[in-house]
Protein backbone atom coordinates (compact mmCIF):
# COMPACT_ATOMS: atom_id res chain seq x y z
CA MET A 1 0.00 0.00 0.00
CA GLU A 2 1.33 3.43 -0.94
CA TYR A 3 0.16 6.72 0.56
CA ILE A 4 0.76 9.78 -1.60
CA PRO A 5 0.32 13.40 -0.47
CA ILE A 6 -1.34 15.85 -2.87
CA GLU A 7 -2.63 19.40 -2.57
CA CYS A 8 -6.12 20.46 -3.56
CA LYS A 9 -7.27 23.81 -4.90
CA SER A 10 -10.85 23.26 -3.77
CA ALA A 11 -12.45 20.98 -1.19
CA ILE A 12 -16.23 21.10 -1.64
CA ARG A 13 -17.74 19.57 -4.74
CA LYS A 14 -21.26 20.27 -5.97
CA VAL A 15 -23.33 17.08 -6.22
CA ARG A 16 -25.91 16.38 -8.89
CA GLY A 17 -29.59 16.07 -7.97
CA GLY A 18 -31.15 12.97 -6.45
CA MET A 19 -29.03 12.93 -3.30
CA PRO A 20 -30.07 14.09 0.19
CA TYR A 21 -27.19 16.57 0.15
CA GLN A 22 -25.85 18.99 -2.44
CA HIS A 23 -22.17 19.09 -1.52
CA ASP A 24 -19.48 16.57 -0.74
CA VAL A 25 -15.81 16.35 0.16
CA ASN A 26 -13.35 13.52 -0.39
CA ILE A 27 -10.24 13.86 1.71
CA TYR A 28 -8.77 10.71 0.15
CA ARG A 29 -8.55 9.42 -3.41
CA GLY A 30 -8.56 5.64 -3.73
CA CYS A 31 -9.81 3.19 -1.12
CA GLU A 32 -8.25 0.28 0.75
CA HIS A 33 -11.47 -1.65 1.35
CA GLY A 34 -11.18 -3.43 -2.01
CA CYS A 35 -14.94 -3.81 -2.63
CA LEU A 36 -15.53 -5.69 -5.88
CA TYR A 37 -18.47 -3.49 -6.85
CA CYS A 38 -16.88 -0.08 -6.18
CA TYR A 39 -18.34 2.44 -8.61
CA ALA A 40 -15.50 4.92 -8.03
CA LEU A 41 -12.72 3.09 -9.91
CA TYR A 42 -12.97 5.72 -12.65
CA SER A 43 -11.83 8.46 -10.25
CA HIS A 44 -8.15 7.51 -10.46
CA ASP A 45 -8.22 8.26 -14.19
CA TYR A 46 -7.93 11.96 -13.29
CA LEU A 47 -4.67 11.12 -11.53
CA GLU A 48 -3.42 9.01 -14.45
CA ASP A 49 -3.19 6.08 -12.06
CA ASN A 50 -4.91 2.69 -12.32
CA GLN A 51 -4.11 1.50 -8.79
CA PHE A 52 -7.31 2.63 -7.06
CA TYR A 53 -7.06 0.07 -4.25
CA ASN A 54 -3.30 0.39 -3.64
CA HIS A 55 -2.36 4.01 -4.26
CA ILE A 56 -4.14 6.17 -1.70
CA TYR A 57 -3.80 9.91 -2.23
CA TYR A 58 -4.47 12.22 0.70
CA LYS A 59 -5.12 15.95 0.42
CA GLU A 60 -2.68 17.31 2.95
CA ASN A 61 -4.06 20.89 2.78
CA ILE A 62 -7.74 19.86 2.91
CA ILE A 63 -8.47 21.50 6.29
CA GLU A 64 -7.16 24.93 5.29
CA VAL A 65 -8.99 24.89 1.96
CA LEU A 66 -12.21 23.60 3.52
CA GLU A 67 -12.18 26.33 6.19
CA LYS A 68 -11.84 29.01 3.54
CA GLU A 69 -14.82 27.61 1.67
CA ILE A 70 -17.22 27.23 4.61
CA THR A 71 -16.44 30.74 5.88
CA LYS A 72 -17.31 32.48 2.63
CA PRO A 73 -20.30 34.87 2.93
CA SER A 74 -22.07 32.86 0.20
CA TRP A 75 -21.90 29.59 2.20
CA LYS A 76 -25.21 28.86 3.97
CA LYS A 77 -24.19 25.98 6.23
CA GLN A 78 -25.42 23.29 3.84
CA ILE A 79 -24.98 19.60 4.65
CA VAL A 80 -21.58 18.35 3.47
CA ASN A 81 -21.17 14.65 2.74
CA PHE A 82 -17.98 12.70 3.38
CA GLY A 83 -17.35 9.26 1.89
CA SER A 84 -18.99 9.30 -1.53
CA VAL A 85 -15.90 8.31 -3.54
CA SER A 86 -13.56 6.95 -0.88
CA ASP A 87 -14.03 6.14 2.78
CA SER A 88 -12.88 8.92 5.10
CA TYR A 89 -12.14 6.31 7.78
CA GLN A 90 -10.03 3.87 5.79
CA PRO A 91 -6.85 2.61 7.52
CA CYS A 92 -4.57 5.54 6.62
CA GLU A 93 -6.87 7.87 8.58
CA LYS A 94 -5.66 6.23 11.80
CA ASP A 95 -2.34 8.04 11.43
CA LEU A 96 -3.28 11.05 9.30
CA LYS A 97 -6.32 12.08 11.42
CA LEU A 98 -7.67 14.39 8.74
CA MET A 99 -11.28 13.48 9.47
CA ARG A 100 -10.82 14.30 13.13
CA GLU A 101 -9.67 17.79 12.13
CA VAL A 102 -12.68 18.08 9.80
CA LEU A 103 -15.03 17.40 12.70
CA LYS A 104 -13.31 20.02 14.86
CA LEU A 105 -13.72 22.49 12.00
CA PHE A 106 -17.41 21.69 11.61
CA ILE A 107 -17.94 22.09 15.35
CA LYS A 108 -16.26 25.50 15.20
CA TYR A 109 -18.64 26.67 12.47
CA GLN A 110 -21.67 24.55 13.51
CA ASN A 111 -21.93 23.07 10.03
CA PRO A 112 -24.14 19.99 9.36
CA ILE A 113 -22.48 16.83 8.08
CA ASN A 114 -23.21 13.43 6.58
CA ILE A 115 -20.62 10.65 6.91
CA SER A 116 -20.71 7.27 5.16
CA THR A 117 -18.23 4.57 6.17
CA LYS A 118 -17.48 0.84 6.32
CA SER A 119 -14.94 1.23 9.12
CA THR A 120 -14.98 0.95 12.89
CA LEU A 121 -12.38 3.74 13.06
CA ILE A 122 -15.21 6.28 13.15
CA LEU A 123 -15.70 5.38 16.83
CA ARG A 124 -12.36 7.06 17.56
CA ASP A 125 -14.19 10.34 16.91
CA LEU A 126 -17.33 9.55 18.90
CA ASP A 127 -16.63 12.49 21.22
CA LEU A 128 -16.53 14.98 18.34
CA ILE A 129 -19.53 13.44 16.56
CA ASN A 130 -21.52 13.77 19.77
CA GLU A 131 -20.40 17.38 20.28
CA LEU A 132 -21.32 18.36 16.72
CA SER A 133 -24.67 16.51 16.90
CA GLN A 134 -25.72 18.77 19.79
CA ILE A 135 -25.37 21.93 17.70
CA ALA A 136 -25.89 20.86 14.07
CA PHE A 137 -27.50 18.12 12.03
CA VAL A 138 -25.33 15.00 11.86
CA ASN A 139 -26.17 11.91 9.85
CA ILE A 140 -24.05 8.75 9.97
CA THR A 141 -24.45 5.77 7.64
CA CYS A 142 -22.72 2.45 7.19
CA THR A 143 -23.05 0.39 4.05
CA VAL A 144 -24.28 -3.09 4.98
CA THR A 145 -24.83 -5.43 2.06
CA CYS A 146 -24.69 -8.92 3.49
CA ALA A 147 -25.59 -10.77 6.68
CA ASP A 148 -23.37 -13.72 5.72
CA GLU A 149 -19.83 -12.82 6.79
CA THR A 150 -18.27 -15.44 4.48
CA ILE A 151 -19.82 -13.79 1.43
CA GLN A 152 -19.18 -10.32 2.78
CA LYS A 153 -15.45 -10.98 3.04
CA ILE A 154 -15.38 -11.96 -0.64
CA ILE A 155 -17.17 -8.89 -1.94
CA GLU A 156 -15.72 -6.41 0.60
CA PRO A 157 -12.41 -8.07 1.51
CA HIS A 158 -10.74 -5.38 3.61
CA ALA A 159 -13.70 -3.60 5.19
CA ALA A 160 -15.03 -4.15 8.71
CA THR A 161 -17.47 -7.05 9.02
CA SER A 162 -21.19 -6.38 8.71
CA LEU A 163 -21.67 -7.14 12.40
CA GLU A 164 -18.93 -4.67 13.35
CA ARG A 165 -20.59 -1.98 11.26
CA MET A 166 -23.94 -2.67 12.90
CA LYS A 167 -22.27 -2.30 16.30
CA VAL A 168 -20.77 1.02 15.20
CA LEU A 169 -24.21 2.31 14.27
CA GLN A 170 -25.73 1.08 17.52
CA ILE A 171 -23.08 2.89 19.58
CA ILE A 172 -23.44 6.14 17.64
CA LYS A 173 -27.23 5.94 17.99
CA GLN A 174 -26.95 5.42 21.75
CA LYS A 175 -24.16 7.90 22.49
CA THR A 176 -24.93 10.88 20.21
CA ASN A 177 -27.79 12.93 18.84
CA ALA A 178 -26.99 11.92 15.25
CA SER A 179 -29.44 10.42 12.78
CA VAL A 180 -28.17 6.92 12.03
CA GLY A 181 -28.97 4.42 9.27
CA ILE A 182 -27.91 1.74 6.83
CA LEU A 183 -27.18 1.96 3.12
CA MET A 184 -28.16 -1.51 1.93
CA MET A 185 -26.52 -1.03 -1.40
CA PRO A 186 -25.66 -2.39 -3.73
CA ILE A 187 -28.05 -5.33 -3.66
CA ILE A 188 -26.06 -7.83 -5.73
CA PRO A 189 -28.11 -10.23 -7.88
CA TYR A 190 -27.89 -13.92 -6.90
CA ILE A 191 -25.46 -13.03 -4.06
CA THR A 192 -27.12 -10.66 -1.57
CA ASP A 193 -30.63 -10.36 -3.00
CA SER A 194 -32.37 -13.19 -1.15
CA TYR A 195 -35.37 -12.36 1.00
CA GLU A 196 -33.57 -13.94 3.96
CA ASN A 197 -30.47 -11.76 3.62
CA MET A 198 -32.37 -8.51 3.18
CA GLU A 199 -34.75 -9.30 6.02
CA ALA A 200 -31.85 -10.11 8.35
CA ILE A 201 -30.40 -6.64 7.77
CA TYR A 202 -33.75 -4.91 8.30
CA LYS A 203 -34.45 -7.00 11.40
CA LEU A 204 -31.17 -6.08 13.07
CA ALA A 205 -31.58 -2.42 12.10
CA HIS A 206 -35.00 -2.49 13.76
CA GLN A 207 -33.65 -4.22 16.88
CA ILE A 208 -30.96 -1.59 17.45
CA HIS A 209 -33.41 1.27 16.74
CA LEU A 210 -31.81 2.77 13.65
CA ASP A 211 -33.64 5.55 11.82
CA TYR A 212 -33.73 4.13 8.32
CA VAL A 213 -32.50 1.62 5.75
CA VAL A 214 -31.90 2.82 2.20
CA PRO A 215 -31.77 -0.03 -0.33
CA GLY A 216 -30.46 0.16 -3.86
CA THR A 217 -29.71 -2.25 -6.69
CA MET A 218 -26.24 -2.59 -8.16
CA TYR A 219 -25.03 -0.55 -11.14
CA LEU A 220 -22.09 -1.68 -13.25
CA ARG A 221 -20.64 1.18 -15.25
CA GLY A 222 -17.26 2.01 -16.73
CA LYS A 223 -14.29 0.22 -15.18
CA THR A 224 -16.46 -1.29 -12.46
CA LYS A 225 -18.26 -3.65 -14.82
CA PRO A 226 -15.29 -5.69 -16.11
CA TYR A 227 -13.57 -5.61 -12.71
CA PHE A 228 -16.63 -6.92 -10.87
CA LEU A 229 -17.58 -9.55 -13.46
CA ASN A 230 -14.04 -10.88 -13.82
CA SER A 231 -13.69 -11.06 -10.03
CA ILE A 232 -16.93 -13.08 -9.78
CA ARG A 233 -15.77 -15.35 -12.58
CA GLN A 234 -12.87 -16.50 -10.40
CA TYR A 235 -15.38 -17.85 -7.88
CA ASP A 236 -18.24 -19.10 -10.08
CA GLU A 237 -18.29 -19.34 -13.88
CA ASN A 238 -22.05 -19.94 -14.06
CA LEU A 239 -22.76 -16.93 -11.86
CA TYR A 240 -20.54 -14.81 -14.10
CA TRP A 241 -22.66 -15.62 -17.15
CA LYS A 242 -25.93 -15.04 -15.28
CA LEU A 243 -24.77 -11.62 -14.13
CA LYS A 244 -23.41 -10.74 -17.56
CA GLY A 245 -26.83 -11.48 -19.05
CA LEU A 246 -28.61 -9.44 -16.37
CA TYR A 247 -26.45 -6.38 -17.11
CA PRO A 248 -26.50 -5.70 -20.86
CA LYS A 249 -25.88 -2.06 -19.88
CA GLY A 250 -24.97 -0.25 -16.68
CA SER A 251 -28.26 -1.04 -14.96
CA CYS A 252 -29.82 -4.43 -14.39
CA LEU A 253 -32.86 -5.50 -16.39
CA LYS A 254 -36.07 -3.71 -15.40
CA GLU A 255 -37.91 -6.95 -14.63
CA TYR A 256 -35.30 -7.92 -12.06
CA LYS A 257 -35.45 -4.52 -10.36
CA ILE A 258 -39.24 -4.76 -10.04
CA GLU A 259 -38.91 -8.22 -8.47
CA ILE A 260 -36.38 -6.97 -5.91
CA PHE A 261 -38.45 -4.01 -4.81
CA ASN A 262 -41.51 -6.24 -4.47
CA ARG A 263 -39.50 -8.30 -1.97
CA LEU A 264 -38.35 -5.17 -0.20
CA ASN A 265 -41.87 -3.81 0.13
CA GLN A 266 -42.89 -6.92 2.06
CA ILE A 267 -39.93 -6.49 4.41
CA ARG A 268 -40.58 -2.78 4.94
CA LYS A 269 -44.14 -3.46 6.04
CA THR A 270 -42.84 -5.78 8.75
CA TYR A 271 -40.12 -3.54 10.16
CA ASN A 272 -41.53 -0.06 9.48
CA LEU A 273 -38.19 1.63 8.80
CA ASP A 274 -37.95 4.75 6.69
CA ASN A 275 -36.28 4.30 3.30
CA LYS A 276 -34.88 7.80 2.96
CA ILE A 277 -31.98 9.62 4.59
CA LEU A 278 -33.29 12.58 6.56
CA LYS A 279 -33.00 15.64 4.36
CA ASP A 280 -33.85 18.46 6.77
CA ASN A 281 -30.86 19.71 8.71
CA ASP A 282 -33.23 21.47 11.13
CA LYS A 283 -34.48 18.09 12.39
CA MET A 284 -32.59 18.24 15.65
CA ARG A 285 -33.94 15.78 18.23
């Protein structure tokens, strides 16, 4: 693994519509989790580097640039998302502590935040998350795709286990004023799409009193498609051909998507969990 310092000219990126936030920041480029389905493989193209999982770039001036941007008169304390392209709590964060400085900055300016992670390292910053959640909207999500740890370790080889992520969410829910939920995405055909798997995730989310579960089917676009399919082929040739047929383009066939959401609707009725991330940063409990 190689960690490479870079400098950024800007920190906050405008996000296209359809998300519960309009701005995001990525303090790292590349990700050590090694998820087979990662949609962000394309992002290293801008660095002329094809080692997304092994070359991790960190923006060493991110705090200074971010402070300049959130103190501009035009900035209206909008929700800023962290973790859309690469996890802000991947292993290098243990030493670099950039995310911890981000939280201190957001406390200083009482700015709302959304953090998505697959790491237990976020608990290091529980004190700061709690402090910020008392004065601004804070939303924390973990991606949880699979209740079977054997399968999970194949598709997300270097991330925390699903059970560890659930425990993270439970602790944050109990110890802070943050809104807390699960991103059950991507739902991977023939691998994580069984009724039993999806229900197990909803059931545990309900038991630990999370606020929501947001499901989503898998997309295979750009570099992600050949990487994912070729990785699956190493485990199961028949499954490779089934998936290849299901994804003639970037999205799965419409009939399959309808079938999945019919299953999900049955599960939602049982566990009564919201399926949307809270959008209103004034919803302070």
